[in-house]
Amino acid sequence: MRIAIDIDSTLHHHWPLVAAAAKRRFGVDLPYEEQVPSTTVRLDEEQLLAAIEDTHTDAAIAAARPYPHAVDTVNGWYDAGHVIEIASHRAERSAAATRRWLDDIGLRHHGLWCGTDKVAHCVATGTGLLVDDSPQTLLRAVDAGIRAATLRHPWNEGLRDVPGILTAADWPELARALVPLLG
């Protein structure tokens, strides 16, 4: 199966980096546990994008540490013959640093894609499973006929009971839950 895997908040805990950038740039606290759809907006869209952009510098990318068992799980899928593509909404200019990071953490993959419409890319490439954290992306994937899976975060808790989206607390639980699909 072709598997597309997101990076930020999927392969590593991204929110602390975003929160630190928001505090540094705008003096705003963004506690992880409060990042639910009903939270009062503390940053406008432009400010949030600027904070996220700060997390995609070469130094920030290099410093990220993968979630426990993420690399082993993905490498197991790779070894089992699945096609692994890392698919991110990061800007193309972050691709070189992202490739270095993937190599440095030892995550085997067949390709890296950076762009704005991940679901269209997954449809075009015949992706059978998308592992991501964004509720909008996951729902669009299911609507496009792609199986979806996520690690649970405050912002995607509402996906627990959505048909076609598998949710898990961590990578070991995700790996176990995907055995029927991936073998």
N, C-alpha and C. Protein backbone atom coordinates (compact mmCIF):
# COMPACT_ATOMS: atom_id res chain seq x y z
N MET A 1 0.84 -1.18 0.00
CA MET A 1 0.00 0.00 0.00
C MET A 1 0.89 1.24 0.00
N ARG A 2 0.41 2.27 -0.64
CA ARG A 2 1.10 3.56 -0.61
C ARG A 2 0.58 4.32 0.62
N ILE A 3 1.52 4.72 1.49
CA ILE A 3 1.19 5.40 2.74
C ILE A 3 1.83 6.79 2.72
N ALA A 4 1.01 7.81 2.93
CA ALA A 4 1.52 9.17 3.06
C ALA A 4 1.48 9.54 4.54
N ILE A 5 2.59 10.09 5.04
CA ILE A 5 2.71 10.41 6.45
C ILE A 5 3.13 11.86 6.61
N ASP A 6 2.34 12.58 7.38
CA ASP A 6 2.63 13.97 7.73
C ASP A 6 3.83 14.01 8.69
N ILE A 7 4.36 15.20 8.92
CA ILE A 7 5.50 15.36 9.83
C ILE A 7 5.08 16.02 11.14
N ASP A 8 4.68 17.28 11.06
CA ASP A 8 4.41 18.08 12.25
C ASP A 8 3.17 17.57 12.99
N SER A 9 3.35 17.21 14.25
CA SER A 9 2.33 16.63 15.13
C SER A 9 1.91 15.23 14.70
N THR A 10 2.68 14.64 13.80
CA THR A 10 2.47 13.24 13.40
C THR A 10 3.74 12.44 13.64
N LEU A 11 4.86 12.91 13.12
CA LEU A 11 6.14 12.24 13.39
C LEU A 11 6.85 12.82 14.61
N HIS A 12 6.56 14.07 14.94
CA HIS A 12 7.15 14.67 16.14
C HIS A 12 6.16 15.64 16.77
N HIS A 13 6.37 15.91 18.07
CA HIS A 13 5.47 16.80 18.82
C HIS A 13 5.80 18.24 18.43
N HIS A 14 4.98 18.80 17.57
CA HIS A 14 5.21 20.09 16.95
C HIS A 14 4.67 21.25 17.79
N TRP A 15 3.61 21.02 18.56
CA TRP A 15 2.95 22.14 19.23
C TRP A 15 3.86 22.93 20.16
N PRO A 16 4.75 22.31 20.94
CA PRO A 16 5.63 23.12 21.80
C PRO A 16 6.46 24.12 20.99
N LEU A 17 6.84 23.76 19.78
CA LEU A 17 7.61 24.68 18.93
C LEU A 17 6.74 25.85 18.48
N VAL A 18 5.50 25.55 18.10
CA VAL A 18 4.56 26.60 17.68
C VAL A 18 4.27 27.52 18.86
N ALA A 19 4.01 26.94 20.03
CA ALA A 19 3.71 27.75 21.22
C ALA A 19 4.88 28.65 21.59
N ALA A 20 6.09 28.13 21.52
CA ALA A 20 7.27 28.95 21.84
C ALA A 20 7.42 30.09 20.84
N ALA A 21 7.17 29.83 19.56
CA ALA A 21 7.26 30.88 18.54
C ALA A 21 6.18 31.94 18.77
N ALA A 22 4.98 31.53 19.14
CA ALA A 22 3.89 32.48 19.39
C ALA A 22 4.22 33.36 20.60
N LYS A 23 4.80 32.77 21.61
CA LYS A 23 5.19 33.53 22.80
C LYS A 23 6.30 34.52 22.45
N ARG A 24 7.31 34.06 21.74
CA ARG A 24 8.45 34.90 21.36
C ARG A 24 8.02 36.04 20.44
N ARG A 25 7.23 35.74 19.41
CA ARG A 25 6.85 36.75 18.41
C ARG A 25 5.74 37.69 18.88
N PHE A 26 4.74 37.12 19.57
CA PHE A 26 3.52 37.89 19.84
C PHE A 26 3.15 38.00 21.32
N GLY A 27 3.96 37.35 22.18
CA GLY A 27 3.67 37.41 23.61
C GLY A 27 2.41 36.67 24.01
N VAL A 28 2.02 35.68 23.21
CA VAL A 28 0.77 34.95 23.42
C VAL A 28 1.07 33.52 23.85
N ASP A 29 0.39 33.07 24.92
CA ASP A 29 0.49 31.68 25.35
C ASP A 29 -0.51 30.83 24.57
N LEU A 30 -0.05 29.68 24.09
CA LEU A 30 -0.92 28.75 23.38
C LEU A 30 -0.78 27.36 24.00
N PRO A 31 -1.38 27.14 25.17
CA PRO A 31 -1.26 25.83 25.81
C PRO A 31 -1.81 24.70 24.93
N TYR A 32 -1.06 23.64 24.82
CA TYR A 32 -1.41 22.49 23.99
C TYR A 32 -2.82 21.98 24.29
N GLU A 33 -3.10 21.77 25.58
CA GLU A 33 -4.38 21.17 25.97
C GLU A 33 -5.58 22.06 25.65
N GLU A 34 -5.36 23.32 25.36
CA GLU A 34 -6.45 24.23 25.02
C GLU A 34 -6.67 24.39 23.52
N GLN A 35 -5.96 23.63 22.72
CA GLN A 35 -6.07 23.78 21.27
C GLN A 35 -7.20 22.92 20.72
N VAL A 36 -8.40 23.27 21.13
CA VAL A 36 -9.61 22.59 20.69
C VAL A 36 -10.43 23.55 19.83
N PRO A 37 -11.32 23.01 18.98
CA PRO A 37 -12.08 23.90 18.09
C PRO A 37 -12.83 25.03 18.79
N SER A 38 -13.25 24.83 20.04
CA SER A 38 -14.02 25.86 20.73
C SER A 38 -13.15 26.91 21.43
N THR A 39 -11.82 26.77 21.37
CA THR A 39 -10.93 27.72 22.03
C THR A 39 -11.05 29.09 21.39
N THR A 40 -11.04 30.11 22.22
CA THR A 40 -11.03 31.47 21.72
C THR A 40 -9.73 31.69 20.95
N VAL A 41 -9.82 32.26 19.79
CA VAL A 41 -8.65 32.48 18.94
C VAL A 41 -7.74 33.53 19.58
N ARG A 42 -6.49 33.16 19.77
CA ARG A 42 -5.53 34.07 20.38
C ARG A 42 -4.59 34.69 19.36
N LEU A 43 -4.49 34.05 18.21
CA LEU A 43 -3.69 34.58 17.11
C LEU A 43 -4.57 34.60 15.87
N ASP A 44 -4.40 35.62 15.03
CA ASP A 44 -5.11 35.57 13.76
C ASP A 44 -4.37 34.62 12.83
N GLU A 45 -4.96 34.33 11.70
CA GLU A 45 -4.40 33.34 10.76
C GLU A 45 -2.98 33.71 10.34
N GLU A 46 -2.75 34.98 10.06
CA GLU A 46 -1.42 35.44 9.63
C GLU A 46 -0.39 35.24 10.74
N GLN A 47 -0.76 35.53 11.98
CA GLN A 47 0.16 35.34 13.10
C GLN A 47 0.46 33.86 13.32
N LEU A 48 -0.56 33.02 13.24
CA LEU A 48 -0.35 31.59 13.42
C LEU A 48 0.58 31.05 12.34
N LEU A 49 0.36 31.46 11.11
CA LEU A 49 1.23 31.01 10.01
C LEU A 49 2.67 31.48 10.22
N ALA A 50 2.84 32.69 10.75
CA ALA A 50 4.19 33.20 11.03
C ALA A 50 4.86 32.36 12.12
N ALA A 51 4.10 32.00 13.16
CA ALA A 51 4.66 31.16 14.22
C ALA A 51 5.04 29.79 13.68
N ILE A 52 4.18 29.22 12.86
CA ILE A 52 4.49 27.91 12.25
C ILE A 52 5.73 28.03 11.36
N GLU A 53 5.81 29.10 10.60
CA GLU A 53 6.97 29.32 9.73
C GLU A 53 8.27 29.32 10.53
N ASP A 54 8.23 29.89 11.74
CA ASP A 54 9.41 29.88 12.60
C ASP A 54 9.85 28.47 12.94
N THR A 55 8.92 27.53 12.94
CA THR A 55 9.26 26.15 13.30
C THR A 55 9.83 25.38 12.11
N HIS A 56 9.88 26.01 10.96
CA HIS A 56 10.37 25.34 9.75
C HIS A 56 11.71 25.89 9.29
N THR A 57 12.44 26.54 10.17
CA THR A 57 13.81 26.94 9.85
C THR A 57 14.67 25.68 9.84
N ASP A 58 15.82 25.75 9.21
CA ASP A 58 16.71 24.59 9.19
C ASP A 58 17.06 24.13 10.61
N ALA A 59 17.36 25.10 11.50
CA ALA A 59 17.74 24.75 12.86
C ALA A 59 16.59 24.10 13.62
N ALA A 60 15.38 24.64 13.47
CA ALA A 60 14.23 24.07 14.17
C ALA A 60 13.92 22.66 13.65
N ILE A 61 14.01 22.48 12.36
CA ILE A 61 13.76 21.15 11.78
C ILE A 61 14.78 20.15 12.31
N ALA A 62 16.04 20.53 12.32
CA ALA A 62 17.10 19.63 12.78
C ALA A 62 16.95 19.26 14.25
N ALA A 63 16.38 20.15 15.05
CA ALA A 63 16.26 19.92 16.49
C ALA A 63 15.06 19.07 16.87
N ALA A 64 14.13 18.85 15.97
CA ALA A 64 12.92 18.08 16.29
C ALA A 64 13.27 16.63 16.62
N ARG A 65 12.58 16.08 17.59
CA ARG A 65 12.79 14.69 17.98
C ARG A 65 11.52 13.91 17.69
N PRO A 66 11.65 12.78 16.99
CA PRO A 66 10.44 12.00 16.66
C PRO A 66 9.77 11.44 17.91
N TYR A 67 8.46 11.23 17.77
CA TYR A 67 7.72 10.56 18.83
C TYR A 67 8.32 9.17 19.06
N PRO A 68 8.25 8.67 20.30
CA PRO A 68 8.72 7.30 20.55
C PRO A 68 8.01 6.31 19.61
N HIS A 69 8.78 5.42 19.04
CA HIS A 69 8.32 4.32 18.19
C HIS A 69 7.86 4.74 16.80
N ALA A 70 7.83 6.03 16.49
CA ALA A 70 7.41 6.46 15.16
C ALA A 70 8.34 5.92 14.08
N VAL A 71 9.63 6.09 14.27
CA VAL A 71 10.60 5.66 13.25
C VAL A 71 10.56 4.15 13.08
N ASP A 72 10.55 3.41 14.18
CA ASP A 72 10.51 1.94 14.10
C ASP A 72 9.24 1.46 13.39
N THR A 73 8.12 2.10 13.68
CA THR A 73 6.85 1.71 13.06
C THR A 73 6.90 1.95 11.56
N VAL A 74 7.29 3.15 11.16
CA VAL A 74 7.34 3.48 9.73
C VAL A 74 8.36 2.60 9.02
N ASN A 75 9.51 2.38 9.63
CA ASN A 75 10.52 1.52 9.01
C ASN A 75 10.01 0.09 8.87
N GLY A 76 9.19 -0.36 9.81
CA GLY A 76 8.58 -1.69 9.69
C GLY A 76 7.64 -1.76 8.50
N TRP A 77 6.86 -0.72 8.28
CA TRP A 77 5.99 -0.68 7.11
C TRP A 77 6.81 -0.67 5.83
N TYR A 78 7.88 0.09 5.83
CA TYR A 78 8.79 0.15 4.68
C TYR A 78 9.34 -1.25 4.39
N ASP A 79 9.84 -1.91 5.44
CA ASP A 79 10.42 -3.25 5.29
C ASP A 79 9.39 -4.28 4.83
N ALA A 80 8.11 -4.05 5.16
CA ALA A 80 7.04 -4.96 4.75
C ALA A 80 6.63 -4.75 3.29
N GLY A 81 7.23 -3.75 2.63
CA GLY A 81 6.97 -3.53 1.22
C GLY A 81 6.01 -2.39 0.90
N HIS A 82 5.55 -1.69 1.91
CA HIS A 82 4.68 -0.54 1.65
C HIS A 82 5.51 0.62 1.10
N VAL A 83 4.90 1.44 0.27
CA VAL A 83 5.56 2.63 -0.26
C VAL A 83 5.29 3.77 0.71
N ILE A 84 6.36 4.32 1.25
CA ILE A 84 6.26 5.36 2.27
C ILE A 84 6.63 6.71 1.65
N GLU A 85 5.66 7.63 1.70
CA GLU A 85 5.93 8.99 1.25
C GLU A 85 5.66 9.93 2.42
N ILE A 86 6.61 10.77 2.71
CA ILE A 86 6.42 11.80 3.72
C ILE A 86 5.77 12.97 2.99
N ALA A 87 4.60 13.39 3.47
CA ALA A 87 3.81 14.43 2.80
C ALA A 87 3.52 15.54 3.80
N SER A 88 3.99 16.74 3.47
CA SER A 88 3.89 17.84 4.41
C SER A 88 3.39 19.11 3.74
N HIS A 89 2.74 19.95 4.54
CA HIS A 89 2.35 21.27 4.07
C HIS A 89 3.51 22.27 4.20
N ARG A 90 4.69 21.80 4.60
CA ARG A 90 5.84 22.69 4.68
C ARG A 90 6.14 23.27 3.30
N ALA A 91 6.71 24.46 3.31
CA ALA A 91 7.10 25.10 2.05
C ALA A 91 8.23 24.30 1.40
N GLU A 92 8.27 24.34 0.09
CA GLU A 92 9.29 23.60 -0.66
C GLU A 92 10.71 23.98 -0.20
N ARG A 93 10.91 25.22 0.23
CA ARG A 93 12.24 25.64 0.66
C ARG A 93 12.69 24.91 1.93
N SER A 94 11.76 24.24 2.63
CA SER A 94 12.10 23.45 3.81
C SER A 94 12.45 22.01 3.46
N ALA A 95 12.32 21.66 2.20
CA ALA A 95 12.49 20.25 1.80
C ALA A 95 13.90 19.72 2.07
N ALA A 96 14.94 20.49 1.77
CA ALA A 96 16.31 20.00 1.98
C ALA A 96 16.56 19.72 3.46
N ALA A 97 16.17 20.64 4.33
CA ALA A 97 16.37 20.43 5.77
C ALA A 97 15.52 19.26 6.27
N THR A 98 14.33 19.12 5.70
CA THR A 98 13.46 18.01 6.09
C THR A 98 14.07 16.68 5.65
N ARG A 99 14.62 16.62 4.45
CA ARG A 99 15.28 15.39 3.99
C ARG A 99 16.45 15.03 4.91
N ARG A 100 17.24 16.03 5.29
CA ARG A 100 18.36 15.78 6.21
C ARG A 100 17.84 15.23 7.54
N TRP A 101 16.75 15.83 8.04
CA TRP A 101 16.19 15.37 9.31
C TRP A 101 15.72 13.92 9.20
N LEU A 102 15.02 13.60 8.13
CA LEU A 102 14.55 12.22 7.94
C LEU A 102 15.73 11.25 7.89
N ASP A 103 16.79 11.63 7.20
CA ASP A 103 18.00 10.79 7.17
C ASP A 103 18.63 10.69 8.55
N ASP A 104 18.72 11.82 9.26
CA ASP A 104 19.35 11.83 10.58
C ASP A 104 18.62 10.95 11.59
N ILE A 105 17.29 10.92 11.52
CA ILE A 105 16.54 10.09 12.47
C ILE A 105 16.42 8.65 11.99
N GLY A 106 16.89 8.38 10.75
CA GLY A 106 16.88 7.01 10.23
C GLY A 106 15.54 6.54 9.72
N LEU A 107 14.67 7.46 9.32
CA LEU A 107 13.35 7.08 8.81
C LEU A 107 13.45 6.77 7.32
N ARG A 108 13.21 5.50 6.99
CA ARG A 108 13.27 5.08 5.58
C ARG A 108 11.98 5.48 4.88
N HIS A 109 12.14 6.00 3.70
CA HIS A 109 10.98 6.45 2.93
C HIS A 109 11.36 6.47 1.45
N HIS A 110 10.35 6.49 0.63
CA HIS A 110 10.55 6.49 -0.82
C HIS A 110 10.51 7.88 -1.42
N GLY A 111 9.89 8.82 -0.72
CA GLY A 111 9.81 10.17 -1.26
C GLY A 111 9.35 11.17 -0.23
N LEU A 112 9.59 12.43 -0.54
CA LEU A 112 9.14 13.55 0.28
C LEU A 112 8.39 14.51 -0.62
N TRP A 113 7.21 14.88 -0.20
CA TRP A 113 6.41 15.85 -0.96
C TRP A 113 6.07 17.00 -0.03
N CYS A 114 6.30 18.23 -0.48
CA CYS A 114 5.92 19.43 0.26
C CYS A 114 5.00 20.24 -0.65
N GLY A 115 3.85 20.63 -0.14
CA GLY A 115 2.91 21.40 -0.95
C GLY A 115 1.67 21.76 -0.17
N THR A 116 0.75 22.40 -0.84
CA THR A 116 -0.42 22.93 -0.15
C THR A 116 -1.64 22.01 -0.19
N ASP A 117 -1.81 21.20 -1.21
CA ASP A 117 -3.00 20.35 -1.28
C ASP A 117 -2.61 18.88 -1.17
N LYS A 118 -2.42 18.45 0.06
CA LYS A 118 -1.97 17.09 0.34
C LYS A 118 -2.96 16.05 -0.16
N VAL A 119 -4.25 16.30 0.00
CA VAL A 119 -5.25 15.31 -0.40
C VAL A 119 -5.25 15.14 -1.92
N ALA A 120 -5.20 16.22 -2.67
CA ALA A 120 -5.12 16.11 -4.14
C ALA A 120 -3.89 15.33 -4.54
N HIS A 121 -2.78 15.58 -3.88
CA HIS A 121 -1.55 14.84 -4.17
C HIS A 121 -1.74 13.35 -3.87
N CYS A 122 -2.37 13.04 -2.74
CA CYS A 122 -2.60 11.64 -2.38
C CYS A 122 -3.51 10.94 -3.39
N VAL A 123 -4.54 11.63 -3.84
CA VAL A 123 -5.43 11.07 -4.86
C VAL A 123 -4.64 10.81 -6.14
N ALA A 124 -3.84 11.79 -6.56
CA ALA A 124 -3.09 11.67 -7.82
C ALA A 124 -2.06 10.55 -7.77
N THR A 125 -1.52 10.25 -6.59
CA THR A 125 -0.48 9.22 -6.48
C THR A 125 -1.02 7.86 -6.05
N GLY A 126 -2.32 7.75 -5.82
CA GLY A 126 -2.89 6.47 -5.44
C GLY A 126 -2.62 6.07 -4.00
N THR A 127 -2.52 7.04 -3.13
CA THR A 127 -2.28 6.76 -1.72
C THR A 127 -3.49 6.03 -1.12
N GLY A 128 -3.20 4.98 -0.36
CA GLY A 128 -4.27 4.21 0.27
C GLY A 128 -4.49 4.58 1.72
N LEU A 129 -3.48 5.16 2.37
CA LEU A 129 -3.58 5.54 3.77
C LEU A 129 -2.84 6.85 3.97
N LEU A 130 -3.51 7.80 4.63
CA LEU A 130 -2.89 9.06 5.01
C LEU A 130 -2.85 9.14 6.53
N VAL A 131 -1.66 9.32 7.09
CA VAL A 131 -1.50 9.53 8.52
C VAL A 131 -1.18 11.01 8.71
N ASP A 132 -2.08 11.73 9.38
CA ASP A 132 -1.99 13.19 9.48
C ASP A 132 -2.63 13.60 10.79
N ASP A 133 -2.53 14.87 11.16
CA ASP A 133 -3.18 15.34 12.38
C ASP A 133 -4.29 16.35 12.13
N SER A 134 -4.37 16.91 10.94
CA SER A 134 -5.33 17.97 10.65
C SER A 134 -6.73 17.40 10.41
N PRO A 135 -7.71 17.84 11.20
CA PRO A 135 -9.08 17.35 10.98
C PRO A 135 -9.57 17.60 9.56
N GLN A 136 -9.31 18.79 9.03
CA GLN A 136 -9.78 19.12 7.68
C GLN A 136 -9.14 18.20 6.64
N THR A 137 -7.84 17.97 6.76
CA THR A 137 -7.14 17.11 5.81
C THR A 137 -7.65 15.67 5.91
N LEU A 138 -7.82 15.17 7.12
CA LEU A 138 -8.28 13.80 7.31
C LEU A 138 -9.70 13.60 6.78
N LEU A 139 -10.58 14.56 7.05
CA LEU A 139 -11.95 14.45 6.54
C LEU A 139 -11.98 14.52 5.01
N ARG A 140 -11.18 15.38 4.42
CA ARG A 140 -11.10 15.45 2.96
C ARG A 140 -10.56 14.14 2.39
N ALA A 141 -9.58 13.55 3.07
CA ALA A 141 -9.02 12.28 2.60
C ALA A 141 -10.10 11.20 2.57
N VAL A 142 -10.86 11.09 3.66
CA VAL A 142 -11.93 10.09 3.72
C VAL A 142 -12.95 10.35 2.61
N ASP A 143 -13.32 11.61 2.41
CA ASP A 143 -14.26 11.95 1.34
C ASP A 143 -13.72 11.55 -0.03
N ALA A 144 -12.38 11.53 -0.17
CA ALA A 144 -11.75 11.16 -1.44
C ALA A 144 -11.51 9.65 -1.54
N GLY A 145 -11.96 8.89 -0.54
CA GLY A 145 -11.81 7.43 -0.58
C GLY A 145 -10.48 6.93 -0.05
N ILE A 146 -9.76 7.75 0.69
CA ILE A 146 -8.46 7.37 1.26
C ILE A 146 -8.68 7.03 2.74
N ARG A 147 -8.12 5.91 3.18
CA ARG A 147 -8.17 5.59 4.61
C ARG A 147 -7.32 6.61 5.34
N ALA A 148 -7.71 6.93 6.58
CA ALA A 148 -7.02 7.97 7.33
C ALA A 148 -6.75 7.51 8.76
N ALA A 149 -5.65 7.97 9.31
CA ALA A 149 -5.29 7.65 10.69
C ALA A 149 -4.59 8.86 11.30
N THR A 150 -4.71 8.97 12.62
CA THR A 150 -4.10 10.10 13.31
C THR A 150 -3.73 9.75 14.74
N LEU A 151 -2.76 10.47 15.25
CA LEU A 151 -2.52 10.50 16.68
C LEU A 151 -3.50 11.51 17.25
N ARG A 152 -4.07 11.20 18.39
CA ARG A 152 -5.04 12.11 19.00
C ARG A 152 -4.35 13.33 19.60
N HIS A 153 -4.90 14.47 19.28
CA HIS A 153 -4.47 15.77 19.82
C HIS A 153 -5.74 16.51 20.21
N PRO A 154 -5.64 17.54 21.03
CA PRO A 154 -6.85 18.28 21.40
C PRO A 154 -7.65 18.76 20.20
N TRP A 155 -6.99 19.18 19.14
CA TRP A 155 -7.69 19.74 17.98
C TRP A 155 -8.36 18.69 17.11
N ASN A 156 -8.04 17.40 17.28
CA ASN A 156 -8.69 16.39 16.44
C ASN A 156 -9.44 15.32 17.24
N GLU A 157 -9.66 15.57 18.52
CA GLU A 157 -10.40 14.63 19.36
C GLU A 157 -11.77 14.30 18.78
N GLY A 158 -12.39 15.23 18.10
CA GLY A 158 -13.71 15.01 17.54
C GLY A 158 -13.75 13.98 16.43
N LEU A 159 -12.60 13.48 16.00
CA LEU A 159 -12.54 12.49 14.92
C LEU A 159 -12.65 11.05 15.41
N ARG A 160 -12.67 10.86 16.72
CA ARG A 160 -12.67 9.50 17.29
C ARG A 160 -13.72 8.58 16.69
N ASP A 161 -14.89 9.09 16.42
CA ASP A 161 -15.99 8.24 15.96
C ASP A 161 -16.33 8.44 14.49
N VAL A 162 -15.44 9.06 13.74
CA VAL A 162 -15.70 9.27 12.32
C VAL A 162 -15.31 8.01 11.54
N PRO A 163 -16.26 7.42 10.82
CA PRO A 163 -15.92 6.23 10.02
C PRO A 163 -14.80 6.54 9.02
N GLY A 164 -13.87 5.61 8.93
CA GLY A 164 -12.76 5.77 7.98
C GLY A 164 -11.55 6.47 8.57
N ILE A 165 -11.66 6.99 9.80
CA ILE A 165 -10.51 7.63 10.45
C ILE A 165 -10.19 6.86 11.72
N LEU A 166 -9.01 6.32 11.77
CA LEU A 166 -8.54 5.59 12.93
C LEU A 166 -7.76 6.57 13.80
N THR A 167 -8.05 6.61 15.10
CA THR A 167 -7.30 7.49 16.01
C THR A 167 -6.59 6.64 17.05
N ALA A 168 -5.43 7.13 17.49
CA ALA A 168 -4.64 6.40 18.47
C ALA A 168 -3.92 7.39 19.38
N ALA A 169 -3.63 6.95 20.59
CA ALA A 169 -2.96 7.80 21.56
C ALA A 169 -1.48 7.97 21.25
N ASP A 170 -0.86 6.96 20.64
CA ASP A 170 0.58 7.01 20.38
C ASP A 170 0.90 6.08 19.21
N TRP A 171 2.17 6.04 18.83
CA TRP A 171 2.57 5.23 17.68
C TRP A 171 2.40 3.72 17.90
N PRO A 172 2.70 3.17 19.08
CA PRO A 172 2.44 1.74 19.26
C PRO A 172 0.97 1.38 19.08
N GLU A 173 0.07 2.21 19.64
CA GLU A 173 -1.36 1.94 19.47
C GLU A 173 -1.77 2.08 18.00
N LEU A 174 -1.22 3.08 17.32
CA LEU A 174 -1.51 3.27 15.90
C LEU A 174 -1.06 2.05 15.09
N ALA A 175 0.14 1.57 15.36
CA ALA A 175 0.67 0.40 14.64
C ALA A 175 -0.23 -0.82 14.85
N ARG A 176 -0.63 -1.06 16.08
CA ARG A 176 -1.51 -2.21 16.37
C ARG A 176 -2.85 -2.07 15.67
N ALA A 177 -3.41 -0.87 15.69
CA ALA A 177 -4.72 -0.66 15.09
C ALA A 177 -4.69 -0.80 13.57
N LEU A 178 -3.53 -0.54 12.97
CA LEU A 178 -3.43 -0.62 11.51
C LEU A 178 -3.04 -2.00 10.99
N VAL A 179 -2.78 -2.94 11.88
CA VAL A 179 -2.41 -4.29 11.44
C VAL A 179 -3.44 -4.89 10.48
N PRO A 180 -4.76 -4.79 10.74
CA PRO A 180 -5.71 -5.38 9.79
C PRO A 180 -5.62 -4.76 8.39
N LEU A 181 -5.26 -3.51 8.31
CA LEU A 181 -5.16 -2.83 7.02
C LEU A 181 -3.81 -3.09 6.34
N LEU A 182 -2.74 -3.09 7.13
CA LEU A 182 -1.39 -3.15 6.56
C LEU A 182 -0.72 -4.52 6.69
N GLY A 183 -1.28 -5.39 7.53
CA GLY A 183 -0.68 -6.72 7.71
C GLY A 183 0.49 -6.71 8.63
